[in-house]
Protein backbone atom coordinates (compact mmCIF):
# COMPACT_ATOMS: atom_id res chain seq x y z
CA UNK A 1 41.07 -44.41 16.71
CA UNK A 2 37.77 -42.83 15.70
CA UNK A 3 36.42 -46.20 14.65
CA UNK A 4 37.38 -47.67 18.01
CA UNK A 5 35.66 -44.83 19.87
CA UNK A 6 32.56 -45.29 17.73
CA UNK A 7 32.49 -49.01 18.50
CA UNK A 8 32.88 -48.33 22.23
CA UNK A 9 30.05 -45.78 22.10
CA UNK A 10 27.77 -48.19 20.25
CA UNK A 11 28.61 -51.02 22.65
CA UNK A 12 27.91 -48.81 25.68
CA UNK A 13 24.56 -47.67 24.23
CA UNK A 14 23.58 -51.26 23.47
CA UNK A 15 24.49 -52.36 26.99
CA UNK A 16 22.46 -49.52 28.51
CA UNK A 17 19.45 -50.39 26.36
CA UNK A 18 19.61 -54.08 27.25
CA UNK A 19 19.61 -53.24 30.96
CA UNK A 20 16.85 -50.60 30.71
CA UNK A 21 15.14 -49.85 33.02
CA UNK A 22 16.84 -50.81 36.28
CA UNK A 23 15.70 -47.83 38.34
CA UNK A 24 12.73 -45.43 38.47
CA UNK A 25 11.99 -43.27 35.44
CA UNK A 26 11.20 -39.57 35.91
CA UNK A 27 8.40 -38.12 33.79
CA UNK A 28 8.65 -34.34 33.83
CA UNK A 29 5.48 -32.26 33.42
CA UNK A 30 6.08 -28.58 32.75
CA UNK A 31 2.84 -27.44 34.38
CA UNK A 32 1.29 -27.60 37.86
CA UNK A 33 -1.04 -30.44 38.83
CA UNK A 34 -4.58 -30.23 37.46
CA UNK A 35 -3.87 -29.19 33.87
CA UNK A 36 -4.33 -31.37 30.80
CA UNK A 37 -0.67 -32.38 30.53
CA UNK A 38 -0.60 -33.50 34.15
CA UNK A 39 -3.91 -35.35 33.83
CA UNK A 40 -2.76 -37.36 30.80
CA UNK A 41 0.57 -38.17 32.49
CA UNK A 42 -1.19 -39.49 35.59
CA UNK A 43 -3.61 -41.59 33.54
CA UNK A 44 -0.81 -43.30 31.62
CA UNK A 45 1.94 -43.63 34.22
CA UNK A 46 0.47 -46.42 36.43
CA UNK A 47 0.09 -48.88 33.55
CA UNK A 48 3.42 -47.83 32.01
CA UNK A 49 5.10 -48.47 35.37
CA UNK A 50 3.70 -52.01 35.41
CA UNK A 51 4.92 -52.70 31.89
CA UNK A 52 8.39 -51.23 32.50
CA UNK A 53 8.76 -52.98 35.85
CA UNK A 54 9.93 -49.73 37.45
CA UNK A 55 8.07 -46.79 39.00
CA UNK A 56 7.41 -43.73 36.87
CA UNK A 57 7.78 -40.71 39.11
CA UNK A 58 5.93 -37.63 37.86
CA UNK A 59 7.72 -34.34 38.54
CA UNK A 60 5.76 -31.12 38.06
CA UNK A 61 8.14 -28.31 37.10
CA UNK A 62 5.97 -25.32 36.15
CA UNK A 63 7.37 -22.14 34.69
CA UNK A 64 7.48 -20.17 31.44
CA UNK A 65 4.50 -22.06 29.98
CA UNK A 66 6.28 -25.39 30.11
CA UNK A 67 9.36 -24.23 28.25
CA UNK A 68 11.59 -24.09 31.32
CA UNK A 69 11.02 -27.77 32.09
CA UNK A 70 11.51 -28.67 28.43
CA UNK A 71 14.87 -26.91 28.45
CA UNK A 72 15.91 -28.88 31.52
CA UNK A 73 14.86 -32.19 29.97
CA UNK A 74 16.71 -31.37 26.76
CA UNK A 75 19.94 -31.07 28.78
CA UNK A 76 19.35 -34.26 30.82
CA UNK A 77 21.34 -37.46 30.24
CA UNK A 78 20.07 -39.32 27.17
CA UNK A 79 19.60 -42.60 29.00
CA UNK A 80 15.81 -42.95 29.13
CA UNK A 81 15.52 -42.23 32.83
CA UNK A 82 14.33 -38.64 32.29
CA UNK A 83 11.42 -38.26 29.91
CA UNK A 84 8.82 -35.56 29.44
CA UNK A 85 5.10 -35.49 28.87
CA UNK A 86 5.29 -32.96 26.09
CA UNK A 87 2.63 -30.78 24.58
CA UNK A 88 2.01 -29.25 21.17
CA UNK A 89 2.56 -25.71 22.47
CA UNK A 90 5.89 -26.59 24.12
CA UNK A 91 7.18 -28.96 21.45
CA UNK A 92 5.94 -27.38 18.22
CA UNK A 93 4.44 -23.91 18.62
CA UNK A 94 6.91 -22.30 21.05
CA UNK A 95 9.51 -21.28 18.40
CA UNK A 96 6.91 -19.07 16.72
CA UNK A 97 5.98 -17.40 19.99
CA UNK A 98 9.14 -17.03 22.07
CA UNK A 99 12.29 -15.21 21.01
CA UNK A 100 14.78 -17.09 23.19
CA UNK A 101 13.88 -20.70 23.86
CA UNK A 102 16.29 -22.81 25.96
CA UNK A 103 15.95 -25.69 23.47
CA UNK A 104 15.39 -26.55 19.81
CA UNK A 105 12.10 -28.42 19.27
CA UNK A 106 13.55 -30.47 16.41
CA UNK A 107 17.17 -31.08 17.40
CA UNK A 108 17.01 -31.47 21.20
CA UNK A 109 14.38 -34.20 21.64
CA UNK A 110 13.72 -37.78 20.65
CA UNK A 111 9.96 -38.15 20.11
CA UNK A 112 8.69 -41.42 21.62
CA UNK A 113 4.91 -41.61 21.28
CA UNK A 114 1.76 -39.51 21.11
CA UNK A 115 -0.15 -40.17 24.32
CA UNK A 116 -3.44 -38.46 23.49
CA UNK A 117 -5.07 -35.83 21.30
CA UNK A 118 -7.82 -33.63 22.66
CA UNK A 119 -9.97 -30.75 21.46
CA UNK A 120 -10.73 -27.63 23.45
CA UNK A 121 -14.03 -26.60 24.98
CA UNK A 122 -15.45 -23.11 24.79
CA UNK A 123 -16.85 -22.81 28.31
CA UNK A 124 -18.61 -20.06 30.20
CA UNK A 125 -19.27 -19.37 33.85
CA UNK A 126 -22.91 -20.13 34.82
CA UNK A 127 -23.49 -16.43 35.43
CA UNK A 128 -23.31 -15.86 31.66
CA UNK A 129 -26.80 -16.05 30.15
CA UNK A 130 -25.59 -17.10 26.67
CA UNK A 131 -26.84 -20.60 25.89
CA UNK A 132 -25.07 -21.04 22.55
CA UNK A 133 -22.01 -19.75 20.72
CA UNK A 134 -23.85 -17.10 18.70
CA UNK A 135 -25.33 -15.63 21.88
CA UNK A 136 -21.88 -15.71 23.51
CA UNK A 137 -20.31 -13.82 20.62
CA UNK A 138 -23.04 -11.16 20.79
CA UNK A 139 -22.49 -10.90 24.54
CA UNK A 140 -18.72 -10.53 24.16
CA UNK A 141 -19.11 -7.86 21.48
CA UNK A 142 -21.21 -5.82 23.89
CA UNK A 143 -18.55 -6.03 26.62
CA UNK A 144 -15.08 -5.62 25.04
CA UNK A 145 -13.31 -5.33 28.39
CA UNK A 146 -13.90 -8.93 29.49
CA UNK A 147 -11.00 -11.30 30.13
CA UNK A 148 -10.14 -14.91 29.43
CA UNK A 149 -7.55 -16.98 31.35
CA UNK A 150 -5.00 -19.51 30.15
CA UNK A 151 -2.22 -21.73 31.46
CA UNK A 152 0.31 -19.09 30.39
CA UNK A 153 1.52 -16.97 27.49
CA UNK A 154 1.77 -19.20 24.44
CA UNK A 155 -0.16 -22.09 25.97
CA UNK A 156 -2.76 -23.85 23.84
CA UNK A 157 -5.70 -22.34 25.79
CA UNK A 158 -4.13 -18.95 25.03
CA UNK A 159 -3.76 -19.76 21.33
CA UNK A 160 -7.27 -21.27 21.19
CA UNK A 161 -8.62 -18.04 22.66
CA UNK A 162 -6.71 -15.86 20.21
CA UNK A 163 -7.96 -17.92 17.25
CA UNK A 164 -11.50 -17.64 18.61
CA UNK A 165 -11.14 -13.86 18.92
CA UNK A 166 -9.87 -13.59 15.36
CA UNK A 167 -12.66 -15.70 13.85
CA UNK A 168 -15.49 -14.26 15.98
CA UNK A 169 -14.38 -10.65 15.75
CA UNK A 170 -14.52 -10.08 19.51
CA UNK A 171 -12.21 -8.32 21.94
CA UNK A 172 -11.05 -10.23 24.99
CA UNK A 173 -8.11 -9.45 27.27
CA UNK A 174 -5.82 -12.43 27.86
CA UNK A 175 -4.76 -13.13 31.46
CA UNK A 176 -1.91 -15.67 31.73
CA UNK A 177 -1.39 -17.92 34.76
CA UNK A 178 1.33 -20.40 35.71
CA UNK A 179 -0.90 -23.35 34.89
CA UNK A 180 -4.45 -24.44 34.19
CA UNK A 181 -5.01 -25.40 37.82
CA UNK A 182 -4.64 -21.77 38.88
CA UNK A 183 -6.49 -20.25 35.94
CA UNK A 184 -9.37 -22.69 36.42
CA UNK A 185 -9.87 -21.60 40.03
CA UNK A 186 -10.39 -18.00 38.94
CA UNK A 187 -12.69 -19.08 36.11
CA UNK A 188 -14.81 -21.12 38.54
CA UNK A 189 -14.79 -18.16 40.93
CA UNK A 190 -16.24 -15.85 38.28
CA UNK A 191 -13.15 -13.67 37.83
CA UNK A 192 -13.39 -14.59 34.13
CA UNK A 193 -16.56 -15.56 32.26
CA UNK A 194 -15.19 -17.49 29.28
CA UNK A 195 -12.27 -19.84 28.63
CA UNK A 196 -10.86 -22.16 25.96
CA UNK A 197 -9.25 -24.95 27.96
CA UNK A 198 -8.53 -28.49 26.85
CA UNK A 199 -11.07 -31.25 27.45
CA UNK A 200 -9.07 -32.90 30.29
CA UNK A 201 -8.99 -29.65 32.26
CA UNK A 202 -12.53 -28.47 31.57
CA UNK A 203 -14.57 -31.69 31.35
CA UNK A 204 -14.92 -32.39 35.12
CA UNK A 205 -16.27 -28.89 35.76
CA UNK A 206 -18.73 -29.11 32.87
CA UNK A 207 -20.02 -32.41 34.26
CA UNK A 208 -20.40 -30.91 37.73
CA UNK A 209 -22.33 -27.92 36.38
CA UNK A 210 -19.70 -25.40 37.51
CA UNK A 211 -19.08 -24.48 33.86
CA UNK A 212 -21.25 -24.63 30.74
CA UNK A 213 -19.82 -25.87 27.44
CA UNK A 214 -21.02 -24.10 24.31
CA UNK A 215 -18.76 -25.65 21.65
CA UNK A 216 -15.96 -28.13 21.09
CA UNK A 217 -13.06 -27.28 18.81
CA UNK A 218 -12.86 -30.63 17.01
CA UNK A 219 -14.06 -31.46 13.49
CA UNK A 220 -16.76 -33.74 14.90
CA UNK A 221 -18.59 -34.06 18.21
CA UNK A 222 -16.90 -35.79 21.12
CA UNK A 223 -18.38 -39.08 22.29
CA UNK A 224 -18.23 -38.13 25.97
CA UNK A 225 -20.08 -34.83 25.32
CA UNK A 226 -22.50 -35.67 22.48
CA UNK A 227 -24.74 -32.66 23.15
CA UNK A 228 -21.95 -30.10 22.71
CA UNK A 229 -21.77 -28.88 19.08
CA UNK A 230 -18.58 -28.29 17.15
CA UNK A 231 -17.51 -24.73 16.46
CA UNK A 232 -18.62 -25.21 12.86
CA UNK A 233 -22.06 -26.46 13.90
CA UNK A 234 -22.39 -23.60 16.38
CA UNK A 235 -21.78 -21.02 13.66
CA UNK A 236 -18.03 -20.30 13.96
CA UNK A 237 -16.58 -21.59 10.71
CA UNK A 238 -12.95 -22.71 10.84
CA UNK A 239 -12.70 -23.03 14.60
CA UNK A 240 -10.68 -26.22 14.93
CA UNK A 241 -7.94 -26.50 17.55
CA UNK A 242 -6.43 -29.78 18.71
CA UNK A 243 -3.89 -30.30 21.47
CA UNK A 244 -1.72 -33.37 21.42
CA UNK A 245 0.32 -34.70 24.31
CA UNK A 246 3.36 -36.84 23.69
CA UNK A 247 6.31 -38.42 25.43
CA UNK A 248 9.80 -37.15 24.61
CA UNK A 249 13.32 -38.08 25.67
CA UNK A 250 16.50 -36.03 25.25
CA UNK A 251 18.05 -36.26 21.79
CA UNK A 252 20.63 -39.03 21.56
CA UNK A 253 18.66 -41.52 23.64
CA UNK A 254 19.50 -44.99 22.22
CA UNK A 255 16.92 -46.16 19.71
CA UNK A 256 16.41 -49.42 21.61
CA UNK A 257 15.31 -47.44 24.69
CA UNK A 258 13.08 -45.16 22.59
CA UNK A 259 11.48 -48.23 21.01
CA UNK A 260 10.94 -49.88 24.41
CA UNK A 261 9.28 -46.76 25.82
CA UNK A 262 7.19 -46.41 22.67
CA UNK A 263 5.98 -50.01 22.82
CA UNK A 264 5.02 -49.79 26.49
CA UNK A 265 3.26 -46.43 25.97
CA UNK A 266 1.15 -47.94 23.19
CA UNK A 267 0.37 -51.02 25.29
CA UNK A 268 -0.65 -48.81 28.21
CA UNK A 269 -2.97 -46.76 25.98
CA UNK A 270 -4.62 -49.94 24.68
CA UNK A 271 -5.55 -51.37 28.06
CA UNK A 272 -9.31 -51.03 28.65
CA UNK A 273 -9.08 -49.08 31.91
CA UNK A 274 -6.56 -46.58 30.54
CA UNK A 275 -8.50 -46.13 27.31
CA UNK A 276 -11.72 -45.57 29.28
CA UNK A 277 -10.05 -42.89 31.38
CA UNK A 278 -8.68 -41.14 28.28
CA UNK A 279 -12.06 -41.26 26.57
CA UNK A 280 -13.64 -39.93 29.75
CA UNK A 281 -11.69 -36.70 29.39
CA UNK A 282 -12.48 -36.44 25.69
CA UNK A 283 -9.08 -37.67 24.58
CA UNK A 284 -8.45 -39.81 21.54
CA UNK A 285 -6.18 -42.57 22.83
CA UNK A 286 -5.86 -44.28 19.47
CA UNK A 287 -3.49 -41.76 17.91
CA UNK A 288 -0.25 -43.61 18.60
CA UNK A 289 2.36 -43.26 15.87
CA UNK A 290 5.85 -44.63 15.49
CA UNK A 291 8.67 -42.42 16.80
CA UNK A 292 9.53 -41.48 13.20
CA UNK A 293 5.89 -40.59 12.43
CA UNK A 294 5.68 -38.56 15.65
CA UNK A 295 8.86 -36.68 14.68
CA UNK A 296 7.29 -35.90 11.29
CA UNK A 297 4.17 -34.55 13.05
CA UNK A 298 6.32 -32.27 15.23
CA UNK A 299 8.02 -30.86 12.12
CA UNK A 300 4.70 -30.38 10.31
CA UNK A 301 2.98 -28.70 13.26
CA UNK A 302 5.97 -26.45 13.89
CA UNK A 303 5.60 -25.11 10.34
CA UNK A 304 1.77 -25.00 10.39
CA UNK A 305 1.46 -23.10 13.67
CA UNK A 306 4.23 -20.69 12.70
CA UNK A 307 1.93 -19.50 9.91
CA UNK A 308 -1.13 -19.35 12.21
CA UNK A 309 0.76 -17.37 14.85
CA UNK A 310 2.07 -14.97 12.21
CA UNK A 311 -1.40 -14.51 10.70
CA UNK A 312 -2.98 -13.54 14.03
CA UNK A 313 -0.02 -11.35 14.94
CA UNK A 314 0.89 -13.07 18.21
CA UNK A 315 4.43 -12.81 19.60
CA UNK A 316 5.74 -13.19 23.16
CA UNK A 317 9.19 -11.84 24.07
């Protein structure tokens, strides 16, 4: 009896995979429009839609720093029609930060493909006179009551700011928002004077002159901002923070569907127009890994960031 049920299950999964996709695919983004996760999703989705032969409908479901949407995706049918543009904070770091997550980062998702990897920019409002990172650190030490915004408690801009504080020995008060779009408006308005957002979120405002970039958190300079030094070059040793974005499906999604989505994601990333758009926001669009390699990265980063979070004493209940 069990063998018969297993055969029926396998046959049903194979039939679903062969027919996939025959209707629109929902890509859930756990943040409001305007943040890095949303930007990467909207860069990739048009070309992915062409390759899949079905529309990809982006659904923004902000709340609880992306973890609410992730919990909803984890409980969705494992048929490939609900996927998520995930994020290192939501899919690897969250267990170290939040006491009661509505999902398990390892057990509840099927990793499909890394979509992009981006560094963070240390940016300041133009009203700040500091022209380099050393001057910024001196300025912040003289004003310990200043604030920095982020996309929410436990988001990567939050973590990037906390790591900066720890390395630079400065005091900054963290102000969480429901997404980068909202936090960026207050940063541009001068409510905050410094931030640690991802390249996709910050780059347009640096180019327009509304923000000034003092350092990038990568190991080497970014091609699209060659004049911005790394944290190491700017005098802050050890300041390296990278955010990756990746596509996930609910656990149990048939491997044939996962492989199809992976292949089309990689093809989309390799098209010249998509690659140009990713490079334009400082993203490395050549980081695609197999689903198994992506799963290994999730496990490794979950362990690595657990230690970092513990070392800086950060916990959100």
